[in-house]
Amino acid sequence: MLHGKTVGYRHHPQLERFRACSAPHAAIAVYLGAVHVESIARGYDFDRSKFRKAACSRIAVTEGQLDYEWDWLMSKLRKRNPALYRRHRGTVKPEVHPLFRLRPGPVAGWEKV
């Protein structure tokens, strides 16, 4: 992503959270590592060769941002996958990705709210 070798999402606003890290490439690798594990559990073919194993410090994410992203995901699931939406609609606070550390605060400034 930040190496410039990715076709899509190279300028996605949420990449700001990775660019702000002292080791952005490692942070993305850690993030994708957990995505890879989840993709295997769901039966997807996620290409593990596109990133390496890495370690980095956890990234702070605000409660407001988590709420915003959860609401956005649920609105998409409601239309695209009603069964999955029904399975998760009672979730008030979703589990945070292991890379992130939840803290109080508003929606991130890059969001178009």
PDB file of N, CA and C in Angstrom:
ATOM      1  N   MET A   1       0.819  -1.191   0.000  1.00  0.00           N
ATOM      2  CA  MET A   1       0.000   0.000   0.000  1.00  0.00           C
ATOM      3  C   MET A   1       0.863   1.256   0.000  1.00  0.00           C
ATOM      4  N   LEU A   2       1.682   1.387   0.986  1.00  0.00           N
ATOM      5  CA  LEU A   2       2.506   2.587   1.067  1.00  0.00           C
ATOM      6  C   LEU A   2       3.764   2.487   0.219  1.00  0.00           C
ATOM      7  N   HIS A   3       4.023   1.315  -0.333  1.00  0.00           N
ATOM      8  CA  HIS A   3       5.173   1.146  -1.228  1.00  0.00           C
ATOM      9  C   HIS A   3       4.848   1.637  -2.631  1.00  0.00           C
ATOM     10  N   GLY A   4       3.572   1.923  -2.908  1.00  0.00           N
ATOM     11  CA  GLY A   4       3.173   2.380  -4.232  1.00  0.00           C
ATOM     12  C   GLY A   4       2.964   1.258  -5.227  1.00  0.00           C
ATOM     13  N   LYS A   5       2.933   0.016  -4.767  1.00  0.00           N
ATOM     14  CA  LYS A   5       2.771  -1.126  -5.669  1.00  0.00           C
ATOM     15  C   LYS A   5       1.320  -1.601  -5.745  1.00  0.00           C
ATOM     16  N   THR A   6       0.453  -1.028  -4.946  1.00  0.00           N
ATOM     17  CA  THR A   6      -0.947  -1.428  -4.914  1.00  0.00           C
ATOM     18  C   THR A   6      -1.738  -0.583  -5.907  1.00  0.00           C
ATOM     19  N   VAL A   7      -2.659  -1.210  -6.605  1.00  0.00           N
ATOM     20  CA  VAL A   7      -3.455  -0.488  -7.596  1.00  0.00           C
ATOM     21  C   VAL A   7      -4.547   0.338  -6.919  1.00  0.00           C
ATOM     22  N   GLY A   8      -5.317  -0.277  -6.041  1.00  0.00           N
ATOM     23  CA  GLY A   8      -6.438   0.409  -5.411  1.00  0.00           C
ATOM     24  C   GLY A   8      -6.127   0.846  -3.987  1.00  0.00           C
ATOM     25  N   TYR A   9      -6.886   1.762  -3.486  1.00  0.00           N
ATOM     26  CA  TYR A   9      -6.838   2.226  -2.096  1.00  0.00           C
ATOM     27  C   TYR A   9      -5.503   2.851  -1.684  1.00  0.00           C
ATOM     28  N   ARG A  10      -4.698   3.297  -2.622  1.00  0.00           N
ATOM     29  CA  ARG A  10      -3.415   3.911  -2.279  1.00  0.00           C
ATOM     30  C   ARG A  10      -3.593   5.266  -1.603  1.00  0.00           C
ATOM     31  N   HIS A  11      -4.709   5.911  -1.872  1.00  0.00           N
ATOM     32  CA  HIS A  11      -4.941   7.241  -1.315  1.00  0.00           C
ATOM     33  C   HIS A  11      -6.125   7.253  -0.356  1.00  0.00           C
ATOM     34  N   HIS A  12      -6.509   6.081   0.121  1.00  0.00           N
ATOM     35  CA  HIS A  12      -7.649   5.995   1.033  1.00  0.00           C
ATOM     36  C   HIS A  12      -7.335   6.778   2.307  1.00  0.00           C
ATOM     37  N   PRO A  13      -8.265   7.607   2.771  1.00  0.00           N
ATOM     38  CA  PRO A  13      -8.009   8.448   3.946  1.00  0.00           C
ATOM     39  C   PRO A  13      -7.595   7.657   5.186  1.00  0.00           C
ATOM     40  N   GLN A  14      -8.094   6.442   5.331  1.00  0.00           N
ATOM     41  CA  GLN A  14      -7.751   5.689   6.535  1.00  0.00           C
ATOM     42  C   GLN A  14      -6.293   5.236   6.558  1.00  0.00           C
ATOM     43  N   LEU A  15      -5.603   5.341   5.443  1.00  0.00           N
ATOM     44  CA  LEU A  15      -4.166   5.038   5.452  1.00  0.00           C
ATOM     45  C   LEU A  15      -3.399   6.048   6.304  1.00  0.00           C
ATOM     46  N   GLU A  16      -4.046   7.175   6.619  1.00  0.00           N
ATOM     47  CA  GLU A  16      -3.401   8.172   7.476  1.00  0.00           C
ATOM     48  C   GLU A  16      -3.010   7.577   8.819  1.00  0.00           C
ATOM     49  N   ARG A  17      -3.825   6.656   9.333  1.00  0.00           N
ATOM     50  CA  ARG A  17      -3.505   6.054  10.633  1.00  0.00           C
ATOM     51  C   ARG A  17      -2.217   5.245  10.539  1.00  0.00           C
ATOM     52  N   PHE A  18      -1.929   4.668   9.382  1.00  0.00           N
ATOM     53  CA  PHE A  18      -0.684   3.917   9.209  1.00  0.00           C
ATOM     54  C   PHE A  18       0.490   4.861   8.918  1.00  0.00           C
ATOM     55  N   ARG A  19       0.240   5.868   8.110  1.00  0.00           N
ATOM     56  CA  ARG A  19       1.305   6.834   7.794  1.00  0.00           C
ATOM     57  C   ARG A  19       1.790   7.558   9.045  1.00  0.00           C
ATOM     58  N   ALA A  20       0.934   7.697  10.032  1.00  0.00           N
ATOM     59  CA  ALA A  20       1.287   8.398  11.262  1.00  0.00           C
ATOM     60  C   ALA A  20       2.167   7.552  12.188  1.00  0.00           C
ATOM     61  N   CYS A  21       2.313   6.280  11.903  1.00  0.00           N
ATOM     62  CA  CYS A  21       3.133   5.393  12.730  1.00  0.00           C
ATOM     63  C   CYS A  21       4.613   5.608  12.452  1.00  0.00           C
ATOM     64  N   SER A  22       5.424   5.250  13.426  1.00  0.00           N
ATOM     65  CA  SER A  22       6.871   5.334  13.219  1.00  0.00           C
ATOM     66  C   SER A  22       7.342   4.273  12.227  1.00  0.00           C
ATOM     67  N   ALA A  23       6.581   3.179  12.089  1.00  0.00           N
ATOM     68  CA  ALA A  23       6.925   2.109  11.149  1.00  0.00           C
ATOM     69  C   ALA A  23       5.664   1.738  10.356  1.00  0.00           C
ATOM     70  N   PRO A  24       5.262   2.581   9.387  1.00  0.00           N
ATOM     71  CA  PRO A  24       3.994   2.362   8.689  1.00  0.00           C
ATOM     72  C   PRO A  24       3.911   1.030   7.946  1.00  0.00           C
ATOM     73  N   HIS A  25       4.994   0.585   7.325  1.00  0.00           N
ATOM     74  CA  HIS A  25       4.942  -0.679   6.592  1.00  0.00           C
ATOM     75  C   HIS A  25       4.729  -1.850   7.545  1.00  0.00           C
ATOM     76  N   ALA A  26       5.381  -1.799   8.700  1.00  0.00           N
ATOM     77  CA  ALA A  26       5.197  -2.845   9.705  1.00  0.00           C
ATOM     78  C   ALA A  26       3.762  -2.829  10.230  1.00  0.00           C
ATOM     79  N   ALA A  27       3.203  -1.643  10.448  1.00  0.00           N
ATOM     80  CA  ALA A  27       1.834  -1.535  10.947  1.00  0.00           C
ATOM     81  C   ALA A  27       0.846  -2.147   9.959  1.00  0.00           C
ATOM     82  N   ILE A  28       1.038  -1.888   8.683  1.00  0.00           N
ATOM     83  CA  ILE A  28       0.153  -2.473   7.674  1.00  0.00           C
ATOM     84  C   ILE A  28       0.321  -3.989   7.645  1.00  0.00           C
ATOM     85  N   ALA A  29       1.550  -4.461   7.771  1.00  0.00           N
ATOM     86  CA  ALA A  29       1.794  -5.906   7.772  1.00  0.00           C
ATOM     87  C   ALA A  29       1.113  -6.572   8.965  1.00  0.00           C
ATOM     88  N   VAL A  30       1.182  -5.954  10.142  1.00  0.00           N
ATOM     89  CA  VAL A  30       0.512  -6.500  11.321  1.00  0.00           C
ATOM     90  C   VAL A  30      -0.999  -6.518  11.103  1.00  0.00           C
ATOM     91  N   TYR A  31      -1.517  -5.429  10.570  1.00  0.00           N
ATOM     92  CA  TYR A  31      -2.954  -5.348  10.280  1.00  0.00           C
ATOM     93  C   TYR A  31      -3.374  -6.456   9.315  1.00  0.00           C
ATOM     94  N   LEU A  32      -2.632  -6.588   8.217  1.00  0.00           N
ATOM     95  CA  LEU A  32      -2.982  -7.599   7.216  1.00  0.00           C
ATOM     96  C   LEU A  32      -2.799  -9.017   7.735  1.00  0.00           C
ATOM     97  N   GLY A  33      -1.888  -9.199   8.683  1.00  0.00           N
ATOM     98  CA  GLY A  33      -1.723 -10.522   9.289  1.00  0.00           C
ATOM     99  C   GLY A  33      -2.996 -10.988   9.961  1.00  0.00           C
ATOM    100  N   ALA A  34      -3.637 -10.099  10.715  1.00  0.00           N
ATOM    101  CA  ALA A  34      -4.904 -10.455  11.365  1.00  0.00           C
ATOM    102  C   ALA A  34      -6.023 -10.607  10.342  1.00  0.00           C
ATOM    103  N   VAL A  35      -6.007  -9.789   9.293  1.00  0.00           N
ATOM    104  CA  VAL A  35      -6.993  -9.924   8.217  1.00  0.00           C
ATOM    105  C   VAL A  35      -6.827 -11.285   7.542  1.00  0.00           C
ATOM    106  N   HIS A  36      -5.588 -11.694   7.345  1.00  0.00           N
ATOM    107  CA  HIS A  36      -5.304 -12.997   6.727  1.00  0.00           C
ATOM    108  C   HIS A  36      -5.869 -14.133   7.571  1.00  0.00           C
ATOM    109  N   VAL A  37      -5.627 -14.099   8.870  1.00  0.00           N
ATOM    110  CA  VAL A  37      -6.146 -15.139   9.768  1.00  0.00           C
ATOM    111  C   VAL A  37      -7.674 -15.211   9.667  1.00  0.00           C
ATOM    112  N   GLU A  38      -8.322 -14.053   9.691  1.00  0.00           N
ATOM    113  CA  GLU A  38      -9.791 -14.017   9.586  1.00  0.00           C
ATOM    114  C   GLU A  38     -10.249 -14.516   8.226  1.00  0.00           C
ATOM    115  N   SER A  39      -9.525 -14.166   7.167  1.00  0.00           N
ATOM    116  CA  SER A  39      -9.922 -14.601   5.822  1.00  0.00           C
ATOM    117  C   SER A  39      -9.877 -16.119   5.704  1.00  0.00           C
ATOM    118  N   ILE A  40      -8.876 -16.748   6.301  1.00  0.00           N
ATOM    119  CA  ILE A  40      -8.777 -18.211   6.284  1.00  0.00           C
ATOM    120  C   ILE A  40      -9.962 -18.816   7.029  1.00  0.00           C
ATOM    121  N   ALA A  41     -10.294 -18.236   8.184  1.00  0.00           N
ATOM    122  CA  ALA A  41     -11.429 -18.730   8.968  1.00  0.00           C
ATOM    123  C   ALA A  41     -12.739 -18.631   8.187  1.00  0.00           C
ATOM    124  N   ARG A  42     -12.836 -17.641   7.299  1.00  0.00           N
ATOM    125  CA  ARG A  42     -14.055 -17.449   6.509  1.00  0.00           C
ATOM    126  C   ARG A  42     -14.008 -18.169   5.164  1.00  0.00           C
ATOM    127  N   GLY A  43     -12.904 -18.833   4.872  1.00  0.00           N
ATOM    128  CA  GLY A  43     -12.803 -19.589   3.632  1.00  0.00           C
ATOM    129  C   GLY A  43     -12.379 -18.767   2.420  1.00  0.00           C
ATOM    130  N   TYR A  44     -11.771 -17.611   2.641  1.00  0.00           N
ATOM    131  CA  TYR A  44     -11.312 -16.778   1.532  1.00  0.00           C
ATOM    132  C   TYR A  44      -9.871 -17.123   1.164  1.00  0.00           C
ATOM    133  N   ASP A  45      -9.492 -16.789  -0.045  1.00  0.00           N
ATOM    134  CA  ASP A  45      -8.133 -17.000  -0.528  1.00  0.00           C
ATOM    135  C   ASP A  45      -7.412 -15.663  -0.509  1.00  0.00           C
ATOM    136  N   PHE A  46      -6.784 -15.347   0.603  1.00  0.00           N
ATOM    137  CA  PHE A  46      -6.096 -14.074   0.804  1.00  0.00           C
ATOM    138  C   PHE A  46      -4.615 -14.310   0.540  1.00  0.00           C
ATOM    139  N   ASP A  47      -4.031 -13.572  -0.382  1.00  0.00           N
ATOM    140  CA  ASP A  47      -2.649 -13.790  -0.803  1.00  0.00           C
ATOM    141  C   ASP A  47      -1.665 -13.316   0.258  1.00  0.00           C
ATOM    142  N   ARG A  48      -1.145 -14.251   1.036  1.00  0.00           N
ATOM    143  CA  ARG A  48      -0.227 -13.959   2.129  1.00  0.00           C
ATOM    144  C   ARG A  48       1.137 -13.469   1.626  1.00  0.00           C
ATOM    145  N   SER A  49       1.461 -13.728   0.383  1.00  0.00           N
ATOM    146  CA  SER A  49       2.774 -13.360  -0.136  1.00  0.00           C
ATOM    147  C   SER A  49       2.934 -11.847  -0.327  1.00  0.00           C
ATOM    148  N   LYS A  50       1.858 -11.096  -0.229  1.00  0.00           N
ATOM    149  CA  LYS A  50       1.938  -9.651  -0.472  1.00  0.00           C
ATOM    150  C   LYS A  50       2.383  -8.855   0.749  1.00  0.00           C
ATOM    151  N   PHE A  51       2.562  -9.520   1.879  1.00  0.00           N
ATOM    152  CA  PHE A  51       3.062  -8.827   3.068  1.00  0.00           C
ATOM    153  C   PHE A  51       3.859  -9.804   3.917  1.00  0.00           C
ATOM    154  N   ARG A  52       4.721  -9.252   4.751  1.00  0.00           N
ATOM    155  CA  ARG A  52       5.580 -10.086   5.589  1.00  0.00           C
ATOM    156  C   ARG A  52       5.132 -10.003   7.042  1.00  0.00           C
ATOM    157  N   LYS A  53       5.604 -10.930   7.851  1.00  0.00           N
ATOM    158  CA  LYS A  53       5.331 -10.851   9.279  1.00  0.00           C
ATOM    159  C   LYS A  53       6.114  -9.679   9.840  1.00  0.00           C
ATOM    160  N   ALA A  54       5.511  -8.981  10.781  1.00  0.00           N
ATOM    161  CA  ALA A  54       6.160  -7.807  11.361  1.00  0.00           C
ATOM    162  C   ALA A  54       5.617  -7.568  12.759  1.00  0.00           C
ATOM    163  N   ALA A  55       6.245  -6.660  13.439  1.00  0.00           N
ATOM    164  CA  ALA A  55       5.788  -6.230  14.759  1.00  0.00           C
ATOM    165  C   ALA A  55       5.856  -4.709  14.800  1.00  0.00           C
ATOM    166  N   CYS A  56       4.943  -4.111  15.547  1.00  0.00           N
ATOM    167  CA  CYS A  56       4.955  -2.656  15.714  1.00  0.00           C
ATOM    168  C   CYS A  56       4.135  -2.303  16.933  1.00  0.00           C
ATOM    169  N   SER A  57       4.206  -1.068  17.318  1.00  0.00           N
ATOM    170  CA  SER A  57       3.416  -0.569  18.444  1.00  0.00           C
ATOM    171  C   SER A  57       1.948  -0.504  18.039  1.00  0.00           C
ATOM    172  N   ARG A  58       1.101  -0.623  19.026  1.00  0.00           N
ATOM    173  CA  ARG A  58      -0.334  -0.524  18.750  1.00  0.00           C
ATOM    174  C   ARG A  58      -0.698   0.907  18.368  1.00  0.00           C
ATOM    175  N   ILE A  59      -1.758   1.038  17.589  1.00  0.00           N
ATOM    176  CA  ILE A  59      -2.212   2.337  17.089  1.00  0.00           C
ATOM    177  C   ILE A  59      -3.475   2.736  17.847  1.00  0.00           C
ATOM    178  N   ALA A  60      -3.506   3.963  18.324  1.00  0.00           N
ATOM    179  CA  ALA A  60      -4.694   4.456  19.023  1.00  0.00           C
ATOM    180  C   ALA A  60      -5.813   4.705  18.018  1.00  0.00           C
ATOM    181  N   VAL A  61      -7.007   4.268  18.367  1.00  0.00           N
ATOM    182  CA  VAL A  61      -8.206   4.562  17.582  1.00  0.00           C
ATOM    183  C   VAL A  61      -9.268   5.035  18.573  1.00  0.00           C
ATOM    184  N   THR A  62     -10.011   6.045  18.187  1.00  0.00           N
ATOM    185  CA  THR A  62     -10.989   6.614  19.118  1.00  0.00           C
ATOM    186  C   THR A  62     -12.296   5.826  19.121  1.00  0.00           C
ATOM    187  N   GLU A  63     -12.988   5.916  20.231  1.00  0.00           N
ATOM    188  CA  GLU A  63     -14.300   5.279  20.343  1.00  0.00           C
ATOM    189  C   GLU A  63     -15.254   5.831  19.285  1.00  0.00           C
ATOM    190  N   GLY A  64     -15.158   7.150  19.034  1.00  0.00           N
ATOM    191  CA  GLY A  64     -16.007   7.758  18.012  1.00  0.00           C
ATOM    192  C   GLY A  64     -15.747   7.166  16.637  1.00  0.00           C
ATOM    193  N   GLN A  65     -14.474   6.921  16.312  1.00  0.00           N
ATOM    194  CA  GLN A  65     -14.127   6.330  15.029  1.00  0.00           C
ATOM    195  C   GLN A  65     -14.622   4.892  14.941  1.00  0.00           C
ATOM    196  N   LEU A  66     -14.443   4.128  16.013  1.00  0.00           N
ATOM    197  CA  LEU A  66     -14.935   2.747  16.026  1.00  0.00           C
ATOM    198  C   LEU A  66     -16.437   2.724  15.825  1.00  0.00           C
ATOM    199  N   ASP A  67     -17.166   3.578  16.531  1.00  0.00           N
ATOM    200  CA  ASP A  67     -18.621   3.636  16.378  1.00  0.00           C
ATOM    201  C   ASP A  67     -19.003   4.000  14.943  1.00  0.00           C
ATOM    202  N   TYR A  68     -18.307   4.980  14.382  1.00  0.00           N
ATOM    203  CA  TYR A  68     -18.591   5.414  13.015  1.00  0.00           C
ATOM    204  C   TYR A  68     -18.370   4.265  12.027  1.00  0.00           C
ATOM    205  N   GLU A  69     -17.237   3.594  12.138  1.00  0.00           N
ATOM    206  CA  GLU A  69     -16.928   2.505  11.207  1.00  0.00           C
ATOM    207  C   GLU A  69     -17.886   1.331  11.388  1.00  0.00           C
ATOM    208  N   TRP A  70     -18.275   1.042  12.625  1.00  0.00           N
ATOM    209  CA  TRP A  70     -19.220  -0.050  12.868  1.00  0.00           C
ATOM    210  C   TRP A  70     -20.581   0.292  12.261  1.00  0.00           C
ATOM    211  N   ASP A  71     -21.052   1.499  12.473  1.00  0.00           N
ATOM    212  CA  ASP A  71     -22.339   1.909  11.892  1.00  0.00           C
ATOM    213  C   ASP A  71     -22.298   1.844  10.362  1.00  0.00           C
ATOM    214  N   TRP A  72     -21.184   2.271   9.784  1.00  0.00           N
ATOM    215  CA  TRP A  72     -21.024   2.238   8.323  1.00  0.00           C
ATOM    216  C   TRP A  72     -21.059   0.795   7.823  1.00  0.00           C
ATOM    217  N   LEU A  73     -20.315  -0.091   8.500  1.00  0.00           N
ATOM    218  CA  LEU A  73     -20.308  -1.503   8.105  1.00  0.00           C
ATOM    219  C   LEU A  73     -21.699  -2.108   8.229  1.00  0.00           C
ATOM    220  N   MET A  74     -22.383  -1.836   9.322  1.00  0.00           N
ATOM    221  CA  MET A  74     -23.717  -2.404   9.520  1.00  0.00           C
ATOM    222  C   MET A  74     -24.699  -1.905   8.461  1.00  0.00           C
ATOM    223  N   SER A  75     -24.586  -0.648   8.040  1.00  0.00           N
ATOM    224  CA  SER A  75     -25.478  -0.144   6.992  1.00  0.00           C
ATOM    225  C   SER A  75     -25.220  -0.862   5.669  1.00  0.00           C
ATOM    226  N   LYS A  76     -23.934  -1.186   5.401  1.00  0.00           N
ATOM    227  CA  LYS A  76     -23.607  -1.932   4.183  1.00  0.00           C
ATOM    228  C   LYS A  76     -24.122  -3.367   4.282  1.00  0.00           C
ATOM    229  N   LEU A  77     -23.928  -3.999   5.441  1.00  0.00           N
ATOM    230  CA  LEU A  77     -24.382  -5.380   5.616  1.00  0.00           C
ATOM    231  C   LEU A  77     -25.903  -5.480   5.523  1.00  0.00           C
ATOM    232  N   ARG A  78     -26.584  -4.491   6.029  1.00  0.00           N
ATOM    233  CA  ARG A  78     -28.055  -4.511   5.987  1.00  0.00           C
ATOM    234  C   ARG A  78     -28.557  -4.672   4.556  1.00  0.00           C
ATOM    235  N   LYS A  79     -27.862  -4.022   3.603  1.00  0.00           N
ATOM    236  CA  LYS A  79     -28.257  -4.095   2.195  1.00  0.00           C
ATOM    237  C   LYS A  79     -27.647  -5.304   1.485  1.00  0.00           C
ATOM    238  N   ARG A  80     -26.361  -5.576   1.746  1.00  0.00           N
ATOM    239  CA  ARG A  80     -25.623  -6.567   0.966  1.00  0.00           C
ATOM    240  C   ARG A  80     -25.661  -7.985   1.517  1.00  0.00           C
ATOM    241  N   ASN A  81     -25.825  -8.110   2.843  1.00  0.00           N
ATOM    242  CA  ASN A  81     -25.816  -9.428   3.456  1.00  0.00           C
ATOM    243  C   ASN A  81     -26.723  -9.413   4.681  1.00  0.00           C
ATOM    244  N   PRO A  82     -28.043  -9.444   4.465  1.00  0.00           N
ATOM    245  CA  PRO A  82     -28.989  -9.334   5.576  1.00  0.00           C
ATOM    246  C   PRO A  82     -28.792 -10.387   6.670  1.00  0.00           C
ATOM    247  N   ALA A  83     -28.387 -11.595   6.302  1.00  0.00           N
ATOM    248  CA  ALA A  83     -28.180 -12.639   7.316  1.00  0.00           C
ATOM    249  C   ALA A  83     -27.032 -12.264   8.251  1.00  0.00           C
ATOM    250  N   LEU A  84     -25.946 -11.777   7.692  1.00  0.00           N
ATOM    251  CA  LEU A  84     -24.806 -11.362   8.512  1.00  0.00           C
ATOM    252  C   LEU A  84     -25.170 -10.124   9.330  1.00  0.00           C
ATOM    253  N   TYR A  85     -25.939  -9.243   8.746  1.00  0.00           N
ATOM    254  CA  TYR A  85     -26.414  -8.068   9.474  1.00  0.00           C
ATOM    255  C   TYR A  85     -27.215  -8.500  10.707  1.00  0.00           C
ATOM    256  N   ARG A  86     -28.158  -9.422  10.520  1.00  0.00           N
ATOM    257  CA  ARG A  86     -28.981  -9.888  11.641  1.00  0.00           C
ATOM    258  C   ARG A  86     -28.128 -10.541  12.726  1.00  0.00           C
ATOM    259  N   ARG A  87     -27.076 -11.242  12.315  1.00  0.00           N
ATOM    260  CA  ARG A  87     -26.199 -11.920  13.273  1.00  0.00           C
ATOM    261  C   ARG A  87     -25.437 -10.922  14.157  1.00  0.00           C
ATOM    262  N   HIS A  88     -25.116  -9.757  13.619  1.00  0.00           N
ATOM    263  CA  HIS A  88     -24.292  -8.803  14.361  1.00  0.00           C
ATOM    264  C   HIS A  88     -25.023  -7.549  14.826  1.00  0.00           C
ATOM    265  N   ARG A  89     -26.289  -7.385  14.484  1.00  0.00           N
ATOM    266  CA  ARG A  89     -26.965  -6.118  14.801  1.00  0.00           C
ATOM    267  C   ARG A  89     -27.093  -5.843  16.291  1.00  0.00           C
ATOM    268  N   GLY A  90     -27.005  -6.860  17.128  1.00  0.00           N
ATOM    269  CA  GLY A  90     -27.076  -6.648  18.579  1.00  0.00           C
ATOM    270  C   GLY A  90     -25.736  -6.270  19.204  1.00  0.00           C
ATOM    271  N   THR A  91     -24.683  -6.269  18.420  1.00  0.00           N
ATOM    272  CA  THR A  91     -23.360  -5.934  18.933  1.00  0.00           C
ATOM    273  C   THR A  91     -23.265  -4.427  19.150  1.00  0.00           C
ATOM    274  N   VAL A  92     -23.039  -4.037  20.384  1.00  0.00           N
ATOM    275  CA  VAL A  92     -22.936  -2.616  20.699  1.00  0.00           C
ATOM    276  C   VAL A  92     -21.519  -2.121  20.449  1.00  0.00           C
ATOM    277  N   LYS A  93     -20.532  -2.835  20.939  1.00  0.00           N
ATOM    278  CA  LYS A  93     -19.112  -2.490  20.741  1.00  0.00           C
ATOM    279  C   LYS A  93     -18.421  -3.703  20.118  1.00  0.00           C
ATOM    280  N   PRO A  94     -18.045  -3.599  18.861  1.00  0.00           N
ATOM    281  CA  PRO A  94     -17.350  -4.726  18.225  1.00  0.00           C
ATOM    282  C   PRO A  94     -15.944  -4.898  18.801  1.00  0.00           C
ATOM    283  N   GLU A  95     -15.405  -6.088  18.624  1.00  0.00           N
ATOM    284  CA  GLU A  95     -14.031  -6.352  19.048  1.00  0.00           C
ATOM    285  C   GLU A  95     -13.083  -5.538  18.179  1.00  0.00           C
ATOM    286  N   VAL A  96     -12.112  -4.930  18.799  1.00  0.00           N
ATOM    287  CA  VAL A  96     -11.152  -4.086  18.086  1.00  0.00           C
ATOM    288  C   VAL A  96     -10.021  -4.959  17.545  1.00  0.00           C
ATOM    289  N   HIS A  97      -9.602  -4.680  16.329  1.00  0.00           N
ATOM    290  CA  HIS A  97      -8.471  -5.376  15.714  1.00  0.00           C
ATOM    291  C   HIS A  97      -7.293  -5.336  16.697  1.00  0.00           C
ATOM    292  N   PRO A  98      -6.512  -6.411  16.806  1.00  0.00           N
ATOM    293  CA  PRO A  98      -5.428  -6.455  17.791  1.00  0.00           C
ATOM    294  C   PRO A  98      -4.369  -5.353  17.641  1.00  0.00           C
ATOM    295  N   LEU A  99      -4.267  -4.754  16.476  1.00  0.00           N
ATOM    296  CA  LEU A  99      -3.295  -3.683  16.268  1.00  0.00           C
ATOM    297  C   LEU A  99      -3.715  -2.391  16.954  1.00  0.00           C
ATOM    298  N   PHE A 100      -5.009  -2.223  17.191  1.00  0.00           N
ATOM    299  CA  PHE A 100      -5.516  -0.955  17.685  1.00  0.00           C
ATOM    300  C   PHE A 100      -5.747  -0.950  19.189  1.00  0.00           C
ATOM    301  N   ARG A 101      -5.555   0.224  19.765  1.00  0.00           N
ATOM    302  CA  ARG A 101      -5.796   0.467  21.190  1.00  0.00           C
ATOM    303  C   ARG A 101      -6.912   1.503  21.265  1.00  0.00           C
ATOM    304  N   LEU A 102      -8.033   1.133  21.843  1.00  0.00           N
ATOM    305  CA  LEU A 102      -9.197   2.015  21.909  1.00  0.00           C
ATOM    306  C   LEU A 102      -8.998   3.084  22.984  1.00  0.00           C
ATOM    307  N   ARG A 103      -9.355   4.318  22.632  1.00  0.00           N
ATOM    308  CA  ARG A 103      -9.288   5.435  23.581  1.00  0.00           C
ATOM    309  C   ARG A 103     -10.483   6.347  23.333  1.00  0.00           C
ATOM    310  N   PRO A 104     -10.842   7.170  24.306  1.00  0.00           N
ATOM    311  CA  PRO A 104     -11.947   8.107  24.102  1.00  0.00           C
ATOM    312  C   PRO A 104     -11.603   9.114  23.007  1.00  0.00           C
ATOM    313  N   GLY A 105     -12.620   9.584  22.322  1.00  0.00           N
ATOM    314  CA  GLY A 105     -12.399  10.618  21.324  1.00  0.00           C
ATOM    315  C   GLY A 105     -13.433  10.569  20.215  1.00  0.00           C
ATOM    316  N   PRO A 106     -13.391  11.566  19.333  1.00  0.00           N
ATOM    317  CA  PRO A 106     -14.379  11.707  18.263  1.00  0.00           C
ATOM    318  C   PRO A 106     -14.012  10.895  17.012  1.00  0.00           C
ATOM    319  N   VAL A 107     -14.820  11.057  15.998  1.00  0.00           N
ATOM    320  CA  VAL A 107     -14.552  10.476  14.679  1.00  0.00           C
ATOM    321  C   VAL A 107     -13.301  11.148  14.125  1.00  0.00           C
ATOM    322  N   ALA A 108     -12.494  10.390  13.392  1.00  0.00           N
ATOM    323  CA  ALA A 108     -11.260  10.924  12.822  1.00  0.00           C
ATOM    324  C   ALA A 108     -11.546  12.059  11.830  1.00  0.00           C
ATOM    325  N   GLY A 109     -10.619  12.993  11.736  1.00  0.00           N
ATOM    326  CA  GLY A 109     -10.793  14.163  10.892  1.00  0.00           C
ATOM    327  C   GLY A 109     -10.866  13.857   9.408  1.00  0.00           C
ATOM    328  N   TRP A 110     -10.363  12.704   8.970  1.00  0.00           N
ATOM    329  CA  TRP A 110     -10.389  12.380   7.536  1.00  0.00           C
ATOM    330  C   TRP A 110     -11.760  11.898   7.069  1.00  0.00           C
ATOM    331  N   GLU A 111     -12.653  11.559   7.994  1.00  0.00           N
ATOM    332  CA  GLU A 111     -13.968  11.047   7.610  1.00  0.00           C
ATOM    333  C   GLU A 111     -14.859  12.180   7.099  1.00  0.00           C
ATOM    334  N   LYS A 112     -15.681  11.852   6.132  1.00  0.00           N
ATOM    335  CA  LYS A 112     -16.677  12.803   5.620  1.00  0.00           C
ATOM    336  C   LYS A 112     -17.994  12.472   6.295  1.00  0.00           C
ATOM    337  N   VAL A 113     -18.203  13.069   7.446  1.00  0.00           N
ATOM    338  CA  VAL A 113     -19.397  12.767   8.261  1.00  0.00           C
ATOM    339  C   VAL A 113     -20.525  13.699   7.890  1.00  0.00           C
TER     340      VAL A 113
END
